[in-house]
């Protein structure tokens, strides 16, 4: 009898690839002899995450076409956006190439089940899987159905979601199963001693007020600017700042701090492009300012952290706006509209939280209960049921 083979599909962002690792870990826990393969899109630098993972047996790249669309863009602007029209036309042929590449890969591997975690690569692989009769499930981390998953929804056995079914009206509701977002096992509720150990590792004191600011892997120009503007008053109120700027915005953000007259000393402000040790940084923080990507928010929720969410208004389908709205309705986060974002607004929001311990704890607890820390276990079990 041949070994059981699972294919995990995702690409284009960390939120589509990072959750594949905990799912693979759980599959290996359930069946140590199974083979787990990741299919990502060709040329995606984030594929290194699965290549370097001990629980992913193989990483395969296929061509994938992206359909570019920007939330809030008027039909006239879309019609006259010749640059976007050109790239969309070009990527249609990449999508077709990816479909045929996916067929060849699936025929060779003969997978028992596939997990579609998002990104435009899922459209090519999902259509090929449906045509060849291989069972697959989709997973939406955001509070809406992605375009790729709309394309492949018909033949999916189940639609796994981060949030309740009513957020995913495009799906057949009897197929929807809320599982949460798979996250790494090291993200768990932070006890006082763990928080103290994280702060000691970072050279911070147990009694410090600690703020973590992160705009995701690419960073956020608007968030960086507001943080720099807020820094002086925050420091005056004994708030220590850990600021992850994003690699491309690191030098620019450092220059902004210098222009503001800030002394970038490790004792008060730590400015870094990115970090491979987010577990420690978030464990040390009292408050986290973040974008509205559900993978990162689920990690912070698992640690029971208080979050201020600033959703990007321009990403496809406005999915971050919908994520933020759903979390705000659950009274789980504080939300700042990017159009209203400034150093002053950010300072006022943060100081309200630093000065109100009960509000901070209430938000953290509500966020913690709004996500499922066992999502990877649920996903793995559903995949094994397809075998």
Protein backbone atom coordinates (compact mmCIF):
# COMPACT_ATOMS: atom_id res chain seq x y z
CA UNK A 1 0.00 0.00 0.00
CA UNK A 2 1.45 3.36 -1.02
CA UNK A 3 2.05 6.08 1.54
CA UNK A 4 -0.66 8.68 2.11
CA UNK A 5 0.13 11.92 0.28
CA UNK A 6 -1.24 15.33 1.21
CA UNK A 7 -0.74 18.46 -0.85
CA UNK A 8 -0.89 21.86 0.86
CA UNK A 9 -1.38 24.77 -1.54
CA UNK A 10 -0.73 28.43 -0.84
CA UNK A 11 1.38 31.38 -1.89
CA UNK A 12 1.77 35.09 -2.34
CA UNK A 13 1.89 36.07 1.32
CA UNK A 14 3.07 34.76 4.66
CA UNK A 15 -0.55 34.37 5.70
CA UNK A 16 -1.04 31.79 2.94
CA UNK A 17 2.17 29.85 3.61
CA UNK A 18 3.01 30.04 7.34
CA UNK A 19 -0.20 28.16 8.40
CA UNK A 20 0.83 25.21 6.21
CA UNK A 21 3.59 24.32 8.68
CA UNK A 22 1.34 23.63 11.72
CA UNK A 23 -1.08 21.70 9.47
CA UNK A 24 1.82 19.57 8.22
CA UNK A 25 2.97 19.01 11.82
CA UNK A 26 -0.46 17.73 12.80
CA UNK A 27 -0.68 15.47 9.74
CA UNK A 28 2.68 13.96 10.67
CA UNK A 29 1.44 13.51 14.25
CA UNK A 30 -1.60 11.60 13.01
CA UNK A 31 0.44 9.56 10.51
CA UNK A 32 4.22 9.71 10.77
CA UNK A 33 4.61 7.85 7.46
CA UNK A 34 2.55 10.29 5.37
CA UNK A 35 4.09 12.49 2.70
CA UNK A 36 3.34 16.24 2.78
CA UNK A 37 4.00 18.37 -0.30
CA UNK A 38 3.64 22.13 -0.71
CA UNK A 39 2.67 23.63 -4.06
CA UNK A 40 3.40 27.34 -4.34
CA UNK A 41 3.63 29.75 -7.23
CA UNK A 42 6.79 30.01 -9.26
CA UNK A 43 9.30 32.59 -8.07
CA UNK A 44 7.64 33.24 -4.70
CA UNK A 45 10.51 33.96 -2.25
CA UNK A 46 8.28 32.83 0.64
CA UNK A 47 8.50 29.26 -0.62
CA UNK A 48 11.72 29.11 1.40
CA UNK A 49 9.51 28.75 4.50
CA UNK A 50 8.34 25.30 3.43
CA UNK A 51 11.66 24.32 1.86
CA UNK A 52 13.37 24.88 5.20
CA UNK A 53 10.68 23.06 7.19
CA UNK A 54 11.37 19.58 8.53
CA UNK A 55 7.69 18.58 8.16
CA UNK A 56 7.34 19.46 4.46
CA UNK A 57 8.79 16.68 2.31
CA UNK A 58 8.83 18.58 -1.00
CA UNK A 59 8.11 22.05 -2.32
CA UNK A 60 6.94 22.36 -5.92
CA UNK A 61 6.46 25.57 -7.86
CA UNK A 62 3.95 26.06 -10.67
CA UNK A 63 3.13 29.09 -12.75
CA UNK A 64 0.25 31.18 -11.43
CA UNK A 65 -1.56 34.23 -12.74
CA UNK A 66 -2.70 37.04 -10.49
CA UNK A 67 -5.83 39.05 -11.16
CA UNK A 68 -5.01 42.52 -9.85
CA UNK A 69 -7.86 44.56 -8.44
CA UNK A 70 -7.83 47.32 -5.87
CA UNK A 71 -10.56 47.92 -3.35
CA UNK A 72 -12.36 51.23 -3.81
CA UNK A 73 -11.11 51.77 -7.36
CA UNK A 74 -13.87 53.12 -9.61
CA UNK A 75 -14.85 51.29 -12.83
CA UNK A 76 -13.51 54.20 -14.92
CA UNK A 77 -10.13 54.11 -13.19
CA UNK A 78 -9.97 50.34 -13.70
CA UNK A 79 -10.78 50.77 -17.40
CA UNK A 80 -8.02 53.35 -17.85
CA UNK A 81 -5.45 51.57 -15.71
CA UNK A 82 -3.51 50.21 -18.70
CA UNK A 83 -0.61 48.97 -16.60
CA UNK A 84 -2.89 46.74 -14.54
CA UNK A 85 -4.76 45.60 -17.65
CA UNK A 86 -1.46 44.58 -19.24
CA UNK A 87 -0.31 42.55 -16.24
CA UNK A 88 -3.73 40.90 -15.86
CA UNK A 89 -3.69 39.89 -19.54
CA UNK A 90 -0.16 38.54 -19.23
CA UNK A 91 -1.01 36.60 -16.09
CA UNK A 92 -4.01 34.93 -17.71
CA UNK A 93 -1.56 32.94 -19.80
CA UNK A 94 0.50 32.18 -16.68
CA UNK A 95 -2.68 30.84 -15.12
CA UNK A 96 -3.25 28.53 -18.10
CA UNK A 97 0.35 27.34 -17.94
CA UNK A 98 -0.03 26.72 -14.22
CA UNK A 99 -3.16 24.65 -14.81
CA UNK A 100 -1.36 22.24 -17.13
CA UNK A 101 1.68 22.11 -14.85
CA UNK A 102 -0.63 21.31 -11.93
CA UNK A 103 -2.25 18.46 -13.86
CA UNK A 104 1.16 16.88 -14.46
CA UNK A 105 2.16 17.25 -10.82
CA UNK A 106 -1.11 15.78 -9.53
CA UNK A 107 -0.96 12.83 -11.91
CA UNK A 108 2.55 12.07 -10.68
CA UNK A 109 1.85 12.46 -6.94
CA UNK A 110 -1.72 11.08 -6.89
CA UNK A 111 -2.57 12.91 -3.65
CA UNK A 112 -5.16 11.57 -1.24
CA UNK A 113 -6.28 15.09 -0.24
CA UNK A 114 -5.42 18.73 -0.93
CA UNK A 115 -5.65 21.78 1.33
CA UNK A 116 -6.15 25.11 -0.48
CA UNK A 117 -5.03 27.86 1.89
CA UNK A 118 -5.25 30.88 -0.39
CA UNK A 119 -3.35 32.83 -2.98
CA UNK A 120 -3.88 32.80 -6.72
CA UNK A 121 -1.93 29.54 -7.12
CA UNK A 122 -4.98 27.78 -5.62
CA UNK A 123 -7.04 28.54 -8.73
CA UNK A 124 -4.70 26.63 -11.07
CA UNK A 125 -4.18 23.68 -8.72
CA UNK A 126 -7.80 23.53 -7.60
CA UNK A 127 -9.23 23.43 -11.11
CA UNK A 128 -6.77 20.70 -12.04
CA UNK A 129 -7.62 18.70 -8.90
CA UNK A 130 -11.35 19.02 -9.57
CA UNK A 131 -10.96 17.90 -13.17
CA UNK A 132 -8.86 14.88 -12.16
CA UNK A 133 -11.11 13.92 -9.24
CA UNK A 134 -8.71 14.50 -6.35
CA UNK A 135 -10.54 15.65 -3.17
CA UNK A 136 -9.73 19.05 -1.73
CA UNK A 137 -10.91 21.56 0.86
CA UNK A 138 -10.54 25.35 0.80
CA UNK A 139 -9.55 27.50 3.75
CA UNK A 140 -10.28 31.23 4.08
CA UNK A 141 -8.33 33.06 6.77
CA UNK A 142 -10.07 36.35 6.03
CA UNK A 143 -13.67 37.38 6.66
CA UNK A 144 -14.60 36.80 3.02
CA UNK A 145 -14.22 34.29 0.21
CA UNK A 146 -11.09 34.82 -1.86
CA UNK A 147 -11.38 35.09 -5.65
CA UNK A 148 -9.28 31.94 -6.16
CA UNK A 149 -11.58 29.97 -3.88
CA UNK A 150 -14.70 31.29 -5.62
CA UNK A 151 -13.30 29.83 -8.84
CA UNK A 152 -12.74 26.37 -7.34
CA UNK A 153 -15.60 26.29 -4.81
CA UNK A 154 -17.91 23.98 -6.79
CA UNK A 155 -15.82 20.81 -6.43
CA UNK A 156 -14.50 21.44 -2.91
CA UNK A 157 -15.57 18.86 -0.33
CA UNK A 158 -15.62 21.43 2.47
CA UNK A 159 -14.97 25.13 2.98
CA UNK A 160 -12.94 25.73 6.13
CA UNK A 161 -13.13 29.25 7.53
CA UNK A 162 -11.58 31.44 10.19
CA UNK A 163 -14.84 33.12 11.18
CA UNK A 164 -18.52 32.06 11.39
CA UNK A 165 -20.32 30.87 8.25
CA UNK A 166 -22.40 34.04 7.81
CA UNK A 167 -19.25 35.85 6.63
CA UNK A 168 -18.99 33.50 3.64
CA UNK A 169 -22.33 33.78 1.88
CA UNK A 170 -20.94 32.76 -1.52
CA UNK A 171 -20.40 29.21 -0.30
CA UNK A 172 -22.93 26.41 0.05
CA UNK A 173 -23.55 26.82 3.77
CA UNK A 174 -23.79 23.09 4.50
CA UNK A 175 -20.16 22.77 3.35
CA UNK A 176 -18.82 25.52 5.64
CA UNK A 177 -16.89 24.48 8.76
CA UNK A 178 -15.41 27.14 11.05
CA UNK A 179 -11.97 25.95 12.18
CA UNK A 180 -10.01 29.16 12.79
CA UNK A 181 -6.53 29.91 11.43
CA UNK A 182 -3.75 27.30 11.86
CA UNK A 183 -0.91 28.82 13.87
CA UNK A 184 2.40 27.61 15.24
CA UNK A 185 2.22 25.78 18.55
CA UNK A 186 4.67 28.19 20.23
CA UNK A 187 1.97 30.88 20.16
CA UNK A 188 0.04 30.23 23.37
CA UNK A 189 -1.24 32.26 26.36
CA UNK A 190 1.66 34.22 27.85
CA UNK A 191 2.06 33.74 31.59
CA UNK A 192 3.77 36.47 33.69
CA UNK A 193 7.01 34.50 33.95
CA UNK A 194 7.10 34.01 30.17
CA UNK A 195 6.49 37.71 29.64
CA UNK A 196 9.29 38.52 32.06
CA UNK A 197 11.68 36.11 30.33
CA UNK A 198 10.89 37.64 26.94
CA UNK A 199 11.55 41.15 28.27
CA UNK A 200 14.80 40.07 29.89
CA UNK A 201 15.92 38.60 26.56
CA UNK A 202 15.16 41.95 24.88
CA UNK A 203 16.82 44.05 27.59
CA UNK A 204 13.51 45.43 28.88
CA UNK A 205 12.34 45.76 32.47
CA UNK A 206 9.41 43.88 33.95
CA UNK A 207 7.64 47.13 34.87
CA UNK A 208 8.01 48.79 31.45
CA UNK A 209 5.05 49.65 29.22
CA UNK A 210 5.95 47.89 25.98
CA UNK A 211 4.49 48.58 22.52
CA UNK A 212 5.07 46.37 19.47
CA UNK A 213 4.34 47.87 16.04
CA UNK A 214 4.33 45.68 12.95
CA UNK A 215 3.01 46.34 9.47
CA UNK A 216 3.54 42.79 8.23
CA UNK A 217 6.30 41.43 6.03
CA UNK A 218 6.17 44.34 3.59
CA UNK A 219 5.62 46.96 6.27
CA UNK A 220 3.29 49.94 6.08
CA UNK A 221 4.39 53.45 5.18
CA UNK A 222 1.35 55.01 6.87
CA UNK A 223 1.74 53.00 10.06
CA UNK A 224 5.48 53.74 10.20
CA UNK A 225 4.90 57.47 9.76
CA UNK A 226 2.26 57.60 12.50
CA UNK A 227 4.46 55.63 14.90
CA UNK A 228 7.38 58.01 14.36
CA UNK A 229 5.10 60.99 15.00
CA UNK A 230 3.75 59.36 18.17
CA UNK A 231 7.14 58.26 19.51
CA UNK A 232 8.08 61.44 21.40
CA UNK A 233 4.94 61.54 23.52
CA UNK A 234 4.91 57.78 24.04
CA UNK A 235 8.49 57.84 25.30
CA UNK A 236 7.60 60.75 27.59
CA UNK A 237 4.99 58.45 29.14
CA UNK A 238 7.55 55.68 29.70
CA UNK A 239 6.40 53.50 26.79
CA UNK A 240 9.15 51.42 25.21
CA UNK A 241 8.74 50.87 21.45
CA UNK A 242 9.61 47.83 19.33
CA UNK A 243 9.04 48.87 15.71
CA UNK A 244 9.21 46.39 12.80
CA UNK A 245 9.23 48.56 9.69
CA UNK A 246 9.34 46.04 6.83
CA UNK A 247 12.57 45.50 4.89
CA UNK A 248 11.93 48.00 2.09
CA UNK A 249 10.89 50.77 4.50
CA UNK A 250 13.61 50.31 7.12
CA UNK A 251 16.05 53.03 6.00
CA UNK A 252 13.25 55.48 5.29
CA UNK A 253 11.74 54.95 8.76
CA UNK A 254 15.10 55.31 10.50
CA UNK A 255 15.57 58.63 8.69
CA UNK A 256 12.15 59.79 9.90
CA UNK A 257 13.10 59.03 13.49
CA UNK A 258 16.32 60.99 13.13
CA UNK A 259 14.45 63.97 11.65
CA UNK A 260 12.12 63.85 14.67
CA UNK A 261 15.18 64.05 16.89
CA UNK A 262 14.65 60.58 18.35
CA UNK A 263 17.62 58.75 19.83
CA UNK A 264 17.40 55.19 18.53
CA UNK A 265 18.83 53.52 21.59
CA UNK A 266 17.94 49.92 22.40
CA UNK A 267 16.69 50.89 25.86
CA UNK A 268 13.76 52.94 24.48
CA UNK A 269 13.22 52.30 20.76
CA UNK A 270 14.15 49.14 18.91
CA UNK A 271 13.77 49.68 15.16
CA UNK A 272 14.19 46.57 13.01
CA UNK A 273 13.28 45.67 9.43
CA UNK A 274 11.74 42.36 10.47
CA UNK A 275 12.21 39.61 13.04
CA UNK A 276 12.42 35.82 12.93
CA UNK A 277 11.49 35.76 16.62
CA UNK A 278 8.02 37.28 16.65
CA UNK A 279 7.04 34.94 19.48
CA UNK A 280 9.43 36.71 21.85
CA UNK A 281 8.58 40.23 20.67
CA UNK A 282 4.84 39.74 20.98
CA UNK A 283 5.20 37.92 24.32
CA UNK A 284 7.03 40.96 25.72
CA UNK A 285 4.42 43.47 24.51
CA UNK A 286 1.49 44.95 26.44
CA UNK A 287 -0.12 46.35 23.28
CA UNK A 288 0.43 45.44 19.62
CA UNK A 289 -0.31 47.71 16.65
CA UNK A 290 -0.83 45.63 13.53
CA UNK A 291 -2.51 45.38 10.15
CA UNK A 292 -5.61 43.21 9.87
CA UNK A 293 -4.16 40.03 8.42
CA UNK A 294 -5.89 37.17 10.23
CA UNK A 295 -2.85 34.91 10.51
CA UNK A 296 -0.86 37.46 12.53
CA UNK A 297 -3.91 38.46 14.55
CA UNK A 298 -4.63 34.80 15.35
CA UNK A 299 -1.09 34.40 16.66
CA UNK A 300 -1.48 37.45 18.90
CA UNK A 301 -4.91 36.20 19.97
CA UNK A 302 -3.42 32.87 21.02
CA UNK A 303 -1.09 34.83 23.32
CA UNK A 304 -4.02 36.86 24.70
CA UNK A 305 -2.60 40.16 23.52
CA UNK A 306 -4.35 43.51 23.28
CA UNK A 307 -4.28 44.74 19.66
CA UNK A 308 -4.86 48.01 17.85
CA UNK A 309 -5.75 47.14 14.26
CA UNK A 310 -5.19 49.47 11.30
CA UNK A 311 -6.57 47.66 8.23
CA UNK A 312 -5.20 48.36 4.77
CA UNK A 313 -8.08 49.82 2.72
CA UNK A 314 -6.63 48.96 -0.68
CA UNK A 315 -6.05 45.20 -0.65
CA UNK A 316 -8.13 42.91 -2.87
CA UNK A 317 -11.80 42.84 -1.96
CA UNK A 318 -11.20 45.05 1.08
CA UNK A 319 -10.59 41.86 3.07
CA UNK A 320 -8.64 43.59 5.85
CA UNK A 321 -11.48 46.07 6.34
CA UNK A 322 -13.87 43.14 6.74
CA UNK A 323 -11.53 41.36 9.14
CA UNK A 324 -11.24 44.48 11.29
CA UNK A 325 -15.01 45.05 11.25
CA UNK A 326 -15.72 41.48 12.37
CA UNK A 327 -13.21 41.75 15.24
CA UNK A 328 -14.52 45.16 16.26
CA UNK A 329 -18.07 43.80 16.37
CA UNK A 330 -16.78 41.11 18.74
CA UNK A 331 -15.26 43.87 20.93
CA UNK A 332 -11.92 42.12 20.48
CA UNK A 333 -9.73 44.95 19.12
CA UNK A 334 -9.45 48.71 18.82
CA UNK A 335 -9.64 49.80 15.17
CA UNK A 336 -8.19 52.95 13.59
CA UNK A 337 -9.28 53.92 10.08
CA UNK A 338 -6.16 54.55 8.00
CA UNK A 339 -7.77 57.71 6.59
CA UNK A 340 -7.86 59.11 10.14
CA UNK A 341 -4.46 57.80 11.17
CA UNK A 342 -1.96 60.30 12.56
CA UNK A 343 0.58 60.42 15.32
CA UNK A 344 -1.92 62.19 17.57
CA UNK A 345 -4.73 59.68 16.95
CA UNK A 346 -2.38 56.77 17.49
CA UNK A 347 -1.01 58.28 20.72
CA UNK A 348 -4.48 58.91 22.12
CA UNK A 349 -5.60 55.34 21.35
CA UNK A 350 -2.48 53.78 22.84
CA UNK A 351 -2.38 55.87 26.01
CA UNK A 352 -6.03 55.03 26.69
CA UNK A 353 -5.02 51.36 26.66
CA UNK A 354 -1.81 51.73 28.65
CA UNK A 355 -3.67 53.70 31.33
CA UNK A 356 -6.64 51.30 31.51
CA UNK A 357 -5.53 47.81 32.53
CA UNK A 358 -9.06 46.42 32.69
CA UNK A 359 -9.88 47.55 29.13
CA UNK A 360 -6.62 46.09 27.89
CA UNK A 361 -7.35 42.74 29.56
CA UNK A 362 -10.95 42.71 28.30
CA UNK A 363 -9.89 43.24 24.68
CA UNK A 364 -7.16 40.60 24.97
CA UNK A 365 -9.56 38.03 26.42
CA UNK A 366 -12.23 38.74 23.80
CA UNK A 367 -9.66 38.38 21.03
CA UNK A 368 -8.41 35.14 22.53
CA UNK A 369 -11.90 33.61 22.62
CA UNK A 370 -12.73 34.80 19.09
CA UNK A 371 -10.15 32.51 17.45
CA UNK A 372 -9.53 28.78 17.65
CA UNK A 373 -6.05 27.87 18.85
CA UNK A 374 -6.60 24.24 17.77
CA UNK A 375 -7.28 25.08 14.12
CA UNK A 376 -4.36 23.02 12.79
CA UNK A 377 -5.66 19.94 14.60
CA UNK A 378 -9.15 20.38 13.10
CA UNK A 379 -7.77 20.91 9.60
CA UNK A 380 -5.54 17.81 9.81
CA UNK A 381 -8.42 15.65 11.00
CA UNK A 382 -10.68 16.87 8.19
CA UNK A 383 -7.97 16.08 5.64
CA UNK A 384 -7.47 12.57 7.02
CA UNK A 385 -11.22 11.99 6.76
CA UNK A 386 -10.97 12.58 3.01
CA UNK A 387 -8.51 9.70 2.61
